[in-house]
């Protein structure tokens, strides 16, 4: 009968390897989770801004359909109503740029 009083070198190396794999996996999951959350927030904000732009164009169309000009423009709120910024302009909101294109269908 053998009496072992400690870990052998192989057991210690195996335990260190398993521990390093676990730590690496947890760190990767944290980093990926944070990046995924930030990306989802940006996509949500971009979708919200796009929907707002669509609603602004519909509002402008309903106010003065005969005054629409087919061009590229941004939209803004002026006197509590939506208005175009002008030809060939775009608006920058946070890190996003919104441009509205109009074409005769």
PDB file of N, CA and C in Angstrom:
ATOM      1  N   UNK A   1       0.830  -1.166   0.000  1.00  0.00           N
ATOM      2  CA  UNK A   1       0.000   0.000   0.000  1.00  0.00           C
ATOM      3  C   UNK A   1       0.889   1.248   0.000  1.00  0.00           C
ATOM      4  N   UNK A   2       0.564   2.173  -0.896  1.00  0.00           N
ATOM      5  CA  UNK A   2       1.374   3.378  -0.983  1.00  0.00           C
ATOM      6  C   UNK A   2       0.691   4.509  -0.229  1.00  0.00           C
ATOM      7  N   UNK A   3       1.451   5.328   0.358  1.00  0.00           N
ATOM      8  CA  UNK A   3       0.938   6.459   1.121  1.00  0.00           C
ATOM      9  C   UNK A   3       1.369   7.736   0.400  1.00  0.00           C
ATOM     10  N   UNK A   4       0.429   8.376  -0.345  1.00  0.00           N
ATOM     11  CA  UNK A   4       0.781   9.601  -1.048  1.00  0.00           C
ATOM     12  C   UNK A   4       0.382  10.782  -0.178  1.00  0.00           C
ATOM     13  N   UNK A   5       1.325  11.679  -0.005  1.00  0.00           N
ATOM     14  CA  UNK A   5       1.094  12.803   0.892  1.00  0.00           C
ATOM     15  C   UNK A   5       0.844  14.108   0.143  1.00  0.00           C
ATOM     16  N   UNK A   6       0.718  14.092  -1.150  1.00  0.00           N
ATOM     17  CA  UNK A   6       0.494  15.323  -1.881  1.00  0.00           C
ATOM     18  C   UNK A   6       0.167  15.026  -3.333  1.00  0.00           C
ATOM     19  N   UNK A   7      -0.015  16.086  -4.072  1.00  0.00           N
ATOM     20  CA  UNK A   7      -0.306  15.950  -5.486  1.00  0.00           C
ATOM     21  C   UNK A   7       0.984  15.656  -6.236  1.00  0.00           C
ATOM     22  N   UNK A   8       0.817  14.908  -7.274  1.00  0.00           N
ATOM     23  CA  UNK A   8       1.967  14.717  -8.152  1.00  0.00           C
ATOM     24  C   UNK A   8       2.031  15.908  -9.105  1.00  0.00           C
ATOM     25  N   UNK A   9       3.119  16.028  -9.807  1.00  0.00           N
ATOM     26  CA  UNK A   9       3.304  17.140 -10.732  1.00  0.00           C
ATOM     27  C   UNK A   9       2.254  17.103 -11.837  1.00  0.00           C
ATOM     28  N   UNK A  10       1.892  15.937 -12.294  1.00  0.00           N
ATOM     29  CA  UNK A  10       0.900  15.799 -13.362  1.00  0.00           C
ATOM     30  C   UNK A  10      -0.471  16.270 -12.875  1.00  0.00           C
ATOM     31  N   UNK A  11      -0.848  15.912 -11.686  1.00  0.00           N
ATOM     32  CA  UNK A  11      -2.138  16.333 -11.140  1.00  0.00           C
ATOM     33  C   UNK A  11      -2.200  17.843 -10.959  1.00  0.00           C
ATOM     34  N   UNK A  12      -1.105  18.447 -10.505  1.00  0.00           N
ATOM     35  CA  UNK A  12      -1.058  19.891 -10.308  1.00  0.00           C
ATOM     36  C   UNK A  12      -1.169  20.621 -11.644  1.00  0.00           C
ATOM     37  N   UNK A  13      -0.485  20.136 -12.665  1.00  0.00           N
ATOM     38  CA  UNK A  13      -0.548  20.758 -13.999  1.00  0.00           C
ATOM     39  C   UNK A  13      -1.940  20.613 -14.591  1.00  0.00           C
ATOM     40  N   UNK A  14      -2.569  19.459 -14.396  1.00  0.00           N
ATOM     41  CA  UNK A  14      -3.915  19.234 -14.897  1.00  0.00           C
ATOM     42  C   UNK A  14      -4.911  20.167 -14.205  1.00  0.00           C
ATOM     43  N   UNK A  15      -4.794  20.333 -12.905  1.00  0.00           N
ATOM     44  CA  UNK A  15      -5.681  21.236 -12.168  1.00  0.00           C
ATOM     45  C   UNK A  15      -5.486  22.683 -12.626  1.00  0.00           C
ATOM     46  N   UNK A  16      -4.242  23.090 -12.843  1.00  0.00           N
ATOM     47  CA  UNK A  16      -3.969  24.450 -13.317  1.00  0.00           C
ATOM     48  C   UNK A  16      -4.538  24.659 -14.713  1.00  0.00           C
ATOM     49  N   UNK A  17      -4.448  23.657 -15.575  1.00  0.00           N
ATOM     50  CA  UNK A  17      -4.997  23.752 -16.927  1.00  0.00           C
ATOM     51  C   UNK A  17      -6.507  23.882 -16.922  1.00  0.00           C
ATOM     52  N   UNK A  18      -7.184  23.076 -16.112  1.00  0.00           N
ATOM     53  CA  UNK A  18      -8.642  23.136 -16.015  1.00  0.00           C
ATOM     54  C   UNK A  18      -9.082  24.496 -15.458  1.00  0.00           C
ATOM     55  N   UNK A  19      -8.378  24.984 -14.434  1.00  0.00           N
ATOM     56  CA  UNK A  19      -8.707  26.285 -13.855  1.00  0.00           C
ATOM     57  C   UNK A  19      -8.524  27.405 -14.878  1.00  0.00           C
ATOM     58  N   UNK A  20      -7.455  27.347 -15.644  1.00  0.00           N
ATOM     59  CA  UNK A  20      -7.240  28.401 -16.647  1.00  0.00           C
ATOM     60  C   UNK A  20      -8.310  28.356 -17.739  1.00  0.00           C
ATOM     61  N   UNK A  21      -8.767  27.171 -18.134  1.00  0.00           N
ATOM     62  CA  UNK A  21      -9.849  27.063 -19.115  1.00  0.00           C
ATOM     63  C   UNK A  21     -11.144  27.661 -18.576  1.00  0.00           C
ATOM     64  N   UNK A  22     -11.439  27.402 -17.334  1.00  0.00           N
ATOM     65  CA  UNK A  22     -12.663  27.936 -16.732  1.00  0.00           C
ATOM     66  C   UNK A  22     -12.600  29.459 -16.653  1.00  0.00           C
ATOM     67  N   UNK A  23     -11.465  30.001 -16.202  1.00  0.00           N
ATOM     68  CA  UNK A  23     -11.323  31.450 -16.083  1.00  0.00           C
ATOM     69  C   UNK A  23     -11.403  32.110 -17.456  1.00  0.00           C
ATOM     70  N   UNK A  24     -10.758  31.531 -18.466  1.00  0.00           N
ATOM     71  CA  UNK A  24     -10.793  32.076 -19.821  1.00  0.00           C
ATOM     72  C   UNK A  24     -12.213  32.061 -20.384  1.00  0.00           C
ATOM     73  N   UNK A  25     -12.931  30.990 -20.149  1.00  0.00           N
ATOM     74  CA  UNK A  25     -14.305  30.879 -20.630  1.00  0.00           C
ATOM     75  C   UNK A  25     -15.199  31.932 -19.978  1.00  0.00           C
ATOM     76  N   UNK A  26     -15.070  32.126 -18.681  1.00  0.00           N
ATOM     77  CA  UNK A  26     -15.885  33.126 -17.986  1.00  0.00           C
ATOM     78  C   UNK A  26     -15.544  34.536 -18.448  1.00  0.00           C
ATOM     79  N   UNK A  27     -14.274  34.832 -18.625  1.00  0.00           N
ATOM     80  CA  UNK A  27     -13.875  36.165 -19.093  1.00  0.00           C
ATOM     81  C   UNK A  27     -14.405  36.415 -20.504  1.00  0.00           C
ATOM     82  N   UNK A  28     -14.314  35.413 -21.375  1.00  0.00           N
ATOM     83  CA  UNK A  28     -14.845  35.552 -22.732  1.00  0.00           C
ATOM     84  C   UNK A  28     -16.347  35.768 -22.739  1.00  0.00           C
ATOM     85  N   UNK A  29     -17.045  35.063 -21.877  1.00  0.00           N
ATOM     86  CA  UNK A  29     -18.502  35.220 -21.806  1.00  0.00           C
ATOM     87  C   UNK A  29     -18.880  36.626 -21.331  1.00  0.00           C
ATOM     88  N   UNK A  30     -18.143  37.172 -20.384  1.00  0.00           N
ATOM     89  CA  UNK A  30     -18.417  38.525 -19.910  1.00  0.00           C
ATOM     90  C   UNK A  30     -18.173  39.560 -20.996  1.00  0.00           C
ATOM     91  N   UNK A  31     -17.059  39.433 -21.706  1.00  0.00           N
ATOM     92  CA  UNK A  31     -16.737  40.393 -22.766  1.00  0.00           C
ATOM     93  C   UNK A  31     -17.748  40.290 -23.904  1.00  0.00           C
ATOM     94  N   UNK A  32     -18.060  39.087 -24.344  1.00  0.00           N
ATOM     95  CA  UNK A  32     -19.029  38.898 -25.421  1.00  0.00           C
ATOM     96  C   UNK A  32     -20.411  39.394 -25.010  1.00  0.00           C
ATOM     97  N   UNK A  33     -20.796  39.147 -23.770  1.00  0.00           N
ATOM     98  CA  UNK A  33     -22.099  39.611 -23.281  1.00  0.00           C
ATOM     99  C   UNK A  33     -22.197  41.125 -23.281  1.00  0.00           C
ATOM    100  N   UNK A  34     -21.120  41.803 -22.883  1.00  0.00           N
ATOM    101  CA  UNK A  34     -21.139  43.267 -22.872  1.00  0.00           C
ATOM    102  C   UNK A  34     -21.200  43.820 -24.292  1.00  0.00           C
ATOM    103  N   UNK A  35     -20.409  43.263 -25.198  1.00  0.00           N
ATOM    104  CA  UNK A  35     -20.431  43.718 -26.591  1.00  0.00           C
ATOM    105  C   UNK A  35     -21.793  43.477 -27.223  1.00  0.00           C
ATOM    106  N   UNK A  36     -22.388  42.354 -26.928  1.00  0.00           N
ATOM    107  CA  UNK A  36     -23.702  42.028 -27.468  1.00  0.00           C
ATOM    108  C   UNK A  36     -24.762  42.991 -26.950  1.00  0.00           C
ATOM    109  N   UNK A  37     -24.673  43.335 -25.685  1.00  0.00           N
ATOM    110  CA  UNK A  37     -25.639  44.265 -25.093  1.00  0.00           C
ATOM    111  C   UNK A  37     -25.507  45.663 -25.699  1.00  0.00           C
ATOM    112  N   UNK A  38     -24.279  46.126 -25.887  1.00  0.00           N
ATOM    113  CA  UNK A  38     -24.052  47.441 -26.487  1.00  0.00           C
ATOM    114  C   UNK A  38     -24.555  47.453 -27.931  1.00  0.00           C
ATOM    115  N   UNK A  39     -24.287  46.389 -28.679  1.00  0.00           N
ATOM    116  CA  UNK A  39     -24.756  46.302 -30.068  1.00  0.00           C
ATOM    117  C   UNK A  39     -26.273  46.290 -30.161  1.00  0.00           C
ATOM    118  N   UNK A  40     -26.921  45.591 -29.253  1.00  0.00           N
ATOM    119  CA  UNK A  40     -28.385  45.551 -29.250  1.00  0.00           C
ATOM    120  C   UNK A  40     -28.962  46.928 -28.943  1.00  0.00           C
ATOM    121  N   UNK A  41     -28.331  47.653 -28.027  1.00  0.00           N
ATOM    122  CA  UNK A  41     -28.788  49.007 -27.708  1.00  0.00           C
ATOM    123  C   UNK A  41     -28.652  49.943 -28.899  1.00  0.00           C
ATOM    124  N   UNK A  42     -27.547  49.822 -29.635  1.00  0.00           N
ATOM    125  CA  UNK A  42     -27.344  50.669 -30.818  1.00  0.00           C
ATOM    126  C   UNK A  42     -28.355  50.342 -31.909  1.00  0.00           C
ATOM    127  N   UNK A  43     -28.610  49.049 -32.126  1.00  0.00           N
ATOM    128  CA  UNK A  43     -29.611  48.662 -33.131  1.00  0.00           C
ATOM    129  C   UNK A  43     -30.990  49.169 -32.749  1.00  0.00           C
ATOM    130  N   UNK A  44     -31.320  49.092 -31.476  1.00  0.00           N
ATOM    131  CA  UNK A  44     -32.617  49.578 -31.008  1.00  0.00           C
ATOM    132  C   UNK A  44     -32.741  51.084 -31.218  1.00  0.00           C
ATOM    133  N   UNK A  45     -31.679  51.834 -30.908  1.00  0.00           N
ATOM    134  CA  UNK A  45     -31.698  53.290 -31.099  1.00  0.00           C
ATOM    135  C   UNK A  45     -31.807  53.644 -32.576  1.00  0.00           C
ATOM    136  N   UNK A  46     -31.087  52.919 -33.431  1.00  0.00           N
ATOM    137  CA  UNK A  46     -31.152  53.175 -34.875  1.00  0.00           C
ATOM    138  C   UNK A  46     -32.552  52.900 -35.412  1.00  0.00           C
ATOM    139  N   UNK A  47     -33.173  51.831 -34.958  1.00  0.00           N
ATOM    140  CA  UNK A  47     -34.537  51.517 -35.382  1.00  0.00           C
ATOM    141  C   UNK A  47     -35.507  52.591 -34.926  1.00  0.00           C
ATOM    142  N   UNK A  48     -35.340  53.064 -33.705  1.00  0.00           N
ATOM    143  CA  UNK A  48     -36.200  54.117 -33.179  1.00  0.00           C
ATOM    144  C   UNK A  48     -36.066  55.401 -34.006  1.00  0.00           C
ATOM    145  N   UNK A  49     -34.850  55.771 -34.358  1.00  0.00           N
ATOM    146  CA  UNK A  49     -34.630  56.979 -35.156  1.00  0.00           C
ATOM    147  C   UNK A  49     -35.195  56.825 -36.571  1.00  0.00           C
ATOM    148  N   UNK A  50     -35.076  55.638 -37.144  1.00  0.00           N
ATOM    149  CA  UNK A  50     -35.636  55.410 -38.474  1.00  0.00           C
ATOM    150  C   UNK A  50     -37.159  55.512 -38.451  1.00  0.00           C
ATOM    151  N   UNK A  51     -37.784  54.920 -37.454  1.00  0.00           N
ATOM    152  CA  UNK A  51     -39.239  55.011 -37.337  1.00  0.00           C
ATOM    153  C   UNK A  51     -39.686  56.454 -37.110  1.00  0.00           C
ATOM    154  N   UNK A  52     -38.935  57.203 -36.318  1.00  0.00           N
ATOM    155  CA  UNK A  52     -39.254  58.608 -36.097  1.00  0.00           C
ATOM    156  C   UNK A  52     -39.164  59.396 -37.403  1.00  0.00           C
ATOM    157  N   UNK A  53     -38.143  59.106 -38.209  1.00  0.00           N
ATOM    158  CA  UNK A  53     -38.001  59.774 -39.503  1.00  0.00           C
ATOM    159  C   UNK A  53     -39.160  59.464 -40.435  1.00  0.00           C
ATOM    160  N   UNK A  54     -39.603  58.223 -40.445  1.00  0.00           N
ATOM    161  CA  UNK A  54     -40.739  57.836 -41.280  1.00  0.00           C
ATOM    162  C   UNK A  54     -41.998  58.566 -40.837  1.00  0.00           C
ATOM    163  N   UNK A  55     -42.225  58.622 -39.536  1.00  0.00           N
ATOM    164  CA  UNK A  55     -43.395  59.331 -39.025  1.00  0.00           C
ATOM    165  C   UNK A  55     -43.314  60.831 -39.320  1.00  0.00           C
ATOM    166  N   UNK A  56     -42.112  61.404 -39.267  1.00  0.00           N
ATOM    167  CA  UNK A  56     -41.944  62.825 -39.578  1.00  0.00           C
ATOM    168  C   UNK A  56     -42.302  63.097 -41.034  1.00  0.00           C
ATOM    169  N   UNK A  57     -41.843  62.241 -41.930  1.00  0.00           N
ATOM    170  CA  UNK A  57     -42.145  62.421 -43.360  1.00  0.00           C
ATOM    171  C   UNK A  57     -43.641  62.273 -43.607  1.00  0.00           C
ATOM    172  N   UNK A  58     -44.275  61.330 -42.956  1.00  0.00           N
ATOM    173  CA  UNK A  58     -45.729  61.173 -43.106  1.00  0.00           C
ATOM    174  C   UNK A  58     -46.465  62.412 -42.601  1.00  0.00           C
ATOM    175  N   UNK A  59     -45.982  62.958 -41.492  1.00  0.00           N
ATOM    176  CA  UNK A  59     -46.608  64.153 -40.950  1.00  0.00           C
ATOM    177  C   UNK A  59     -46.452  65.339 -41.908  1.00  0.00           C
ATOM    178  N   UNK A  60     -45.261  65.504 -42.462  1.00  0.00           N
ATOM    179  CA  UNK A  60     -45.027  66.592 -43.422  1.00  0.00           C
ATOM    180  C   UNK A  60     -45.886  66.390 -44.662  1.00  0.00           C
ATOM    181  N   UNK A  61     -45.961  65.158 -45.121  1.00  0.00           N
ATOM    182  CA  UNK A  61     -46.788  64.851 -46.293  1.00  0.00           C
ATOM    183  C   UNK A  61     -48.240  65.207 -46.039  1.00  0.00           C
ATOM    184  N   UNK A  62     -48.748  64.868 -44.872  1.00  0.00           N
ATOM    185  CA  UNK A  62     -50.150  65.133 -44.561  1.00  0.00           C
ATOM    186  C   UNK A  62     -50.435  66.626 -44.390  1.00  0.00           C
ATOM    187  N   UNK A  63     -49.436  67.406 -43.970  1.00  0.00           N
ATOM    188  CA  UNK A  63     -49.632  68.844 -43.775  1.00  0.00           C
ATOM    189  C   UNK A  63     -49.668  69.600 -45.093  1.00  0.00           C
ATOM    190  N   UNK A  64     -48.739  69.286 -45.988  1.00  0.00           N
ATOM    191  CA  UNK A  64     -48.619  70.063 -47.225  1.00  0.00           C
ATOM    192  C   UNK A  64     -48.117  69.154 -48.339  1.00  0.00           C
ATOM    193  N   UNK A  65     -48.980  68.297 -48.814  1.00  0.00           N
ATOM    194  CA  UNK A  65     -48.598  67.325 -49.835  1.00  0.00           C
ATOM    195  C   UNK A  65     -48.124  68.005 -51.118  1.00  0.00           C
ATOM    196  N   UNK A  66     -48.749  69.096 -51.488  1.00  0.00           N
ATOM    197  CA  UNK A  66     -48.419  69.753 -52.749  1.00  0.00           C
ATOM    198  C   UNK A  66     -47.093  70.522 -52.681  1.00  0.00           C
ATOM    199  N   UNK A  67     -46.514  70.692 -51.485  1.00  0.00           N
ATOM    200  CA  UNK A  67     -45.256  71.419 -51.356  1.00  0.00           C
ATOM    201  C   UNK A  67     -44.043  70.502 -51.259  1.00  0.00           C
ATOM    202  N   UNK A  68     -44.246  69.201 -51.380  1.00  0.00           N
ATOM    203  CA  UNK A  68     -43.121  68.269 -51.298  1.00  0.00           C
ATOM    204  C   UNK A  68     -42.170  68.472 -52.468  1.00  0.00           C
ATOM    205  N   UNK A  69     -40.883  68.438 -52.181  1.00  0.00           N
ATOM    206  CA  UNK A  69     -39.864  68.513 -53.216  1.00  0.00           C
ATOM    207  C   UNK A  69     -39.096  67.202 -53.190  1.00  0.00           C
ATOM    208  N   UNK A  70     -38.835  66.656 -54.357  1.00  0.00           N
ATOM    209  CA  UNK A  70     -38.138  65.385 -54.429  1.00  0.00           C
ATOM    210  C   UNK A  70     -36.652  65.645 -54.359  1.00  0.00           C
ATOM    211  N   UNK A  71     -36.067  65.354 -53.228  1.00  0.00           N
ATOM    212  CA  UNK A  71     -34.651  65.618 -52.999  1.00  0.00           C
ATOM    213  C   UNK A  71     -34.194  64.796 -51.800  1.00  0.00           C
ATOM    214  N   UNK A  72     -33.049  65.142 -51.302  1.00  0.00           N
ATOM    215  CA  UNK A  72     -32.484  64.513 -50.120  1.00  0.00           C
ATOM    216  C   UNK A  72     -32.479  65.547 -49.011  1.00  0.00           C
ATOM    217  N   UNK A  73     -32.944  65.170 -47.836  1.00  0.00           N
ATOM    218  CA  UNK A  73     -33.067  66.146 -46.766  1.00  0.00           C
ATOM    219  C   UNK A  73     -33.044  65.453 -45.420  1.00  0.00           C
ATOM    220  N   UNK A  74     -32.926  66.259 -44.377  1.00  0.00           N
ATOM    221  CA  UNK A  74     -33.113  65.790 -43.022  1.00  0.00           C
ATOM    222  C   UNK A  74     -34.409  66.365 -42.497  1.00  0.00           C
ATOM    223  N   UNK A  75     -34.836  65.932 -41.334  1.00  0.00           N
ATOM    224  CA  UNK A  75     -36.070  66.456 -40.745  1.00  0.00           C
ATOM    225  C   UNK A  75     -35.768  67.014 -39.363  1.00  0.00           C
ATOM    226  N   UNK A  76     -36.559  67.995 -38.965  1.00  0.00           N
ATOM    227  CA  UNK A  76     -36.406  68.607 -37.652  1.00  0.00           C
ATOM    228  C   UNK A  76     -37.768  69.071 -37.162  1.00  0.00           C
ATOM    229  N   UNK A  77     -37.850  69.382 -35.890  1.00  0.00           N
ATOM    230  CA  UNK A  77     -39.094  69.917 -35.330  1.00  0.00           C
ATOM    231  C   UNK A  77     -38.971  71.427 -35.282  1.00  0.00           C
ATOM    232  N   UNK A  78     -39.933  72.117 -35.909  1.00  0.00           N
ATOM    233  CA  UNK A  78     -39.959  73.575 -35.925  1.00  0.00           C
ATOM    234  C   UNK A  78     -41.378  74.020 -35.580  1.00  0.00           C
ATOM    235  N   UNK A  79     -41.542  74.793 -34.542  1.00  0.00           N
ATOM    236  CA  UNK A  79     -42.848  75.273 -34.077  1.00  0.00           C
ATOM    237  C   UNK A  79     -43.812  74.117 -33.822  1.00  0.00           C
ATOM    238  N   UNK A  80     -43.317  73.091 -33.159  1.00  0.00           N
ATOM    239  CA  UNK A  80     -44.104  71.905 -32.800  1.00  0.00           C
ATOM    240  C   UNK A  80     -44.615  71.117 -33.998  1.00  0.00           C
ATOM    241  N   UNK A  81     -44.045  71.300 -35.157  1.00  0.00           N
ATOM    242  CA  UNK A  81     -44.389  70.490 -36.326  1.00  0.00           C
ATOM    243  C   UNK A  81     -43.098  70.056 -37.002  1.00  0.00           C
ATOM    244  N   UNK A  82     -43.172  68.964 -37.712  1.00  0.00           N
ATOM    245  CA  UNK A  82     -42.013  68.465 -38.436  1.00  0.00           C
ATOM    246  C   UNK A  82     -41.781  69.314 -39.676  1.00  0.00           C
ATOM    247  N   UNK A  83     -40.507  69.542 -40.007  1.00  0.00           N
ATOM    248  CA  UNK A  83     -40.148  70.307 -41.195  1.00  0.00           C
ATOM    249  C   UNK A  83     -38.860  69.738 -41.788  1.00  0.00           C
ATOM    250  N   UNK A  84     -38.651  69.996 -43.069  1.00  0.00           N
ATOM    251  CA  UNK A  84     -37.419  69.570 -43.723  1.00  0.00           C
ATOM    252  C   UNK A  84     -36.297  70.534 -43.383  1.00  0.00           C
ATOM    253  N   UNK A  85     -35.069  70.027 -43.295  1.00  0.00           N
ATOM    254  CA  UNK A  85     -33.908  70.870 -43.017  1.00  0.00           C
ATOM    255  C   UNK A  85     -33.436  71.614 -44.255  1.00  0.00           C
ATOM    256  N   UNK A  86     -33.679  71.064 -45.386  1.00  0.00           N
ATOM    257  CA  UNK A  86     -33.232  71.693 -46.625  1.00  0.00           C
ATOM    258  C   UNK A  86     -32.631  70.644 -47.540  1.00  0.00           C
ATOM    259  N   UNK A  87     -32.393  71.052 -48.754  1.00  0.00           N
ATOM    260  CA  UNK A  87     -31.918  70.106 -49.751  1.00  0.00           C
ATOM    261  C   UNK A  87     -30.489  69.659 -49.447  1.00  0.00           C
ATOM    262  N   UNK A  88     -30.244  68.383 -49.639  1.00  0.00           N
ATOM    263  CA  UNK A  88     -28.924  67.756 -49.495  1.00  0.00           C
ATOM    264  C   UNK A  88     -28.340  67.930 -48.095  1.00  0.00           C
ATOM    265  N   UNK A  89     -29.175  67.897 -47.089  1.00  0.00           N
ATOM    266  CA  UNK A  89     -28.672  67.946 -45.721  1.00  0.00           C
ATOM    267  C   UNK A  89     -29.052  66.660 -45.003  1.00  0.00           C
ATOM    268  N   UNK A  90     -28.335  66.376 -43.967  1.00  0.00           N
ATOM    269  CA  UNK A  90     -28.654  65.232 -43.127  1.00  0.00           C
ATOM    270  C   UNK A  90     -28.508  65.683 -41.682  1.00  0.00           C
ATOM    271  N   UNK A  91     -29.069  64.922 -40.793  1.00  0.00           N
ATOM    272  CA  UNK A  91     -28.986  65.273 -39.384  1.00  0.00           C
ATOM    273  C   UNK A  91     -28.189  64.203 -38.645  1.00  0.00           C
ATOM    274  N   UNK A  92     -27.378  64.638 -37.720  1.00  0.00           N
ATOM    275  CA  UNK A  92     -26.578  63.721 -36.911  1.00  0.00           C
ATOM    276  C   UNK A  92     -27.138  63.717 -35.507  1.00  0.00           C
ATOM    277  N   UNK A  93     -27.516  62.524 -35.060  1.00  0.00           N
ATOM    278  CA  UNK A  93     -28.077  62.340 -33.726  1.00  0.00           C
ATOM    279  C   UNK A  93     -27.212  61.297 -33.036  1.00  0.00           C
ATOM    280  N   UNK A  94     -26.581  61.693 -31.946  1.00  0.00           N
ATOM    281  CA  UNK A  94     -25.620  60.836 -31.249  1.00  0.00           C
ATOM    282  C   UNK A  94     -24.560  60.394 -32.247  1.00  0.00           C
ATOM    283  N   UNK A  95     -24.462  59.113 -32.521  1.00  0.00           N
ATOM    284  CA  UNK A  95     -23.482  58.615 -33.480  1.00  0.00           C
ATOM    285  C   UNK A  95     -24.133  58.217 -34.810  1.00  0.00           C
ATOM    286  N   UNK A  96     -25.397  58.529 -34.971  1.00  0.00           N
ATOM    287  CA  UNK A  96     -26.146  58.151 -36.156  1.00  0.00           C
ATOM    288  C   UNK A  96     -26.387  59.358 -37.056  1.00  0.00           C
ATOM    289  N   UNK A  97     -26.433  59.116 -38.357  1.00  0.00           N
ATOM    290  CA  UNK A  97     -26.754  60.157 -39.328  1.00  0.00           C
ATOM    291  C   UNK A  97     -28.004  59.734 -40.062  1.00  0.00           C
ATOM    292  N   UNK A  98     -28.989  60.610 -40.085  1.00  0.00           N
ATOM    293  CA  UNK A  98     -30.275  60.298 -40.739  1.00  0.00           C
ATOM    294  C   UNK A  98     -30.470  61.233 -41.914  1.00  0.00           C
ATOM    295  N   UNK A  99     -30.699  60.642 -43.080  1.00  0.00           N
ATOM    296  CA  UNK A  99     -30.973  61.393 -44.310  1.00  0.00           C
ATOM    297  C   UNK A  99     -32.245  60.827 -44.921  1.00  0.00           C
ATOM    298  N   UNK A 100     -33.104  61.701 -45.373  1.00  0.00           N
ATOM    299  CA  UNK A 100     -34.358  61.281 -45.978  1.00  0.00           C
ATOM    300  C   UNK A 100     -34.279  61.544 -47.488  1.00  0.00           C
ATOM    301  N   UNK A 101     -34.548  60.509 -48.284  1.00  0.00           N
ATOM    302  CA  UNK A 101     -34.542  60.640 -49.746  1.00  0.00           C
ATOM    303  C   UNK A 101     -35.972  60.607 -50.254  1.00  0.00           C
ATOM    304  N   UNK A 102     -36.300  61.516 -51.142  1.00  0.00           N
ATOM    305  CA  UNK A 102     -37.633  61.586 -51.739  1.00  0.00           C
ATOM    306  C   UNK A 102     -37.521  61.328 -53.215  1.00  0.00           C
ATOM    307  N   UNK A 103     -38.443  60.560 -53.741  1.00  0.00           N
ATOM    308  CA  UNK A 103     -38.461  60.282 -55.171  1.00  0.00           C
ATOM    309  C   UNK A 103     -39.901  60.169 -55.632  1.00  0.00           C
ATOM    310  N   UNK A 104     -40.143  60.598 -56.856  1.00  0.00           N
ATOM    311  CA  UNK A 104     -41.459  60.491 -57.443  1.00  0.00           C
ATOM    312  C   UNK A 104     -41.703  59.031 -57.831  1.00  0.00           C
ATOM    313  N   UNK A 105     -42.820  58.496 -57.390  1.00  0.00           N
ATOM    314  CA  UNK A 105     -43.104  57.080 -57.649  1.00  0.00           C
ATOM    315  C   UNK A 105     -44.012  56.967 -58.865  1.00  0.00           C
TER     316      UNK A 105
END
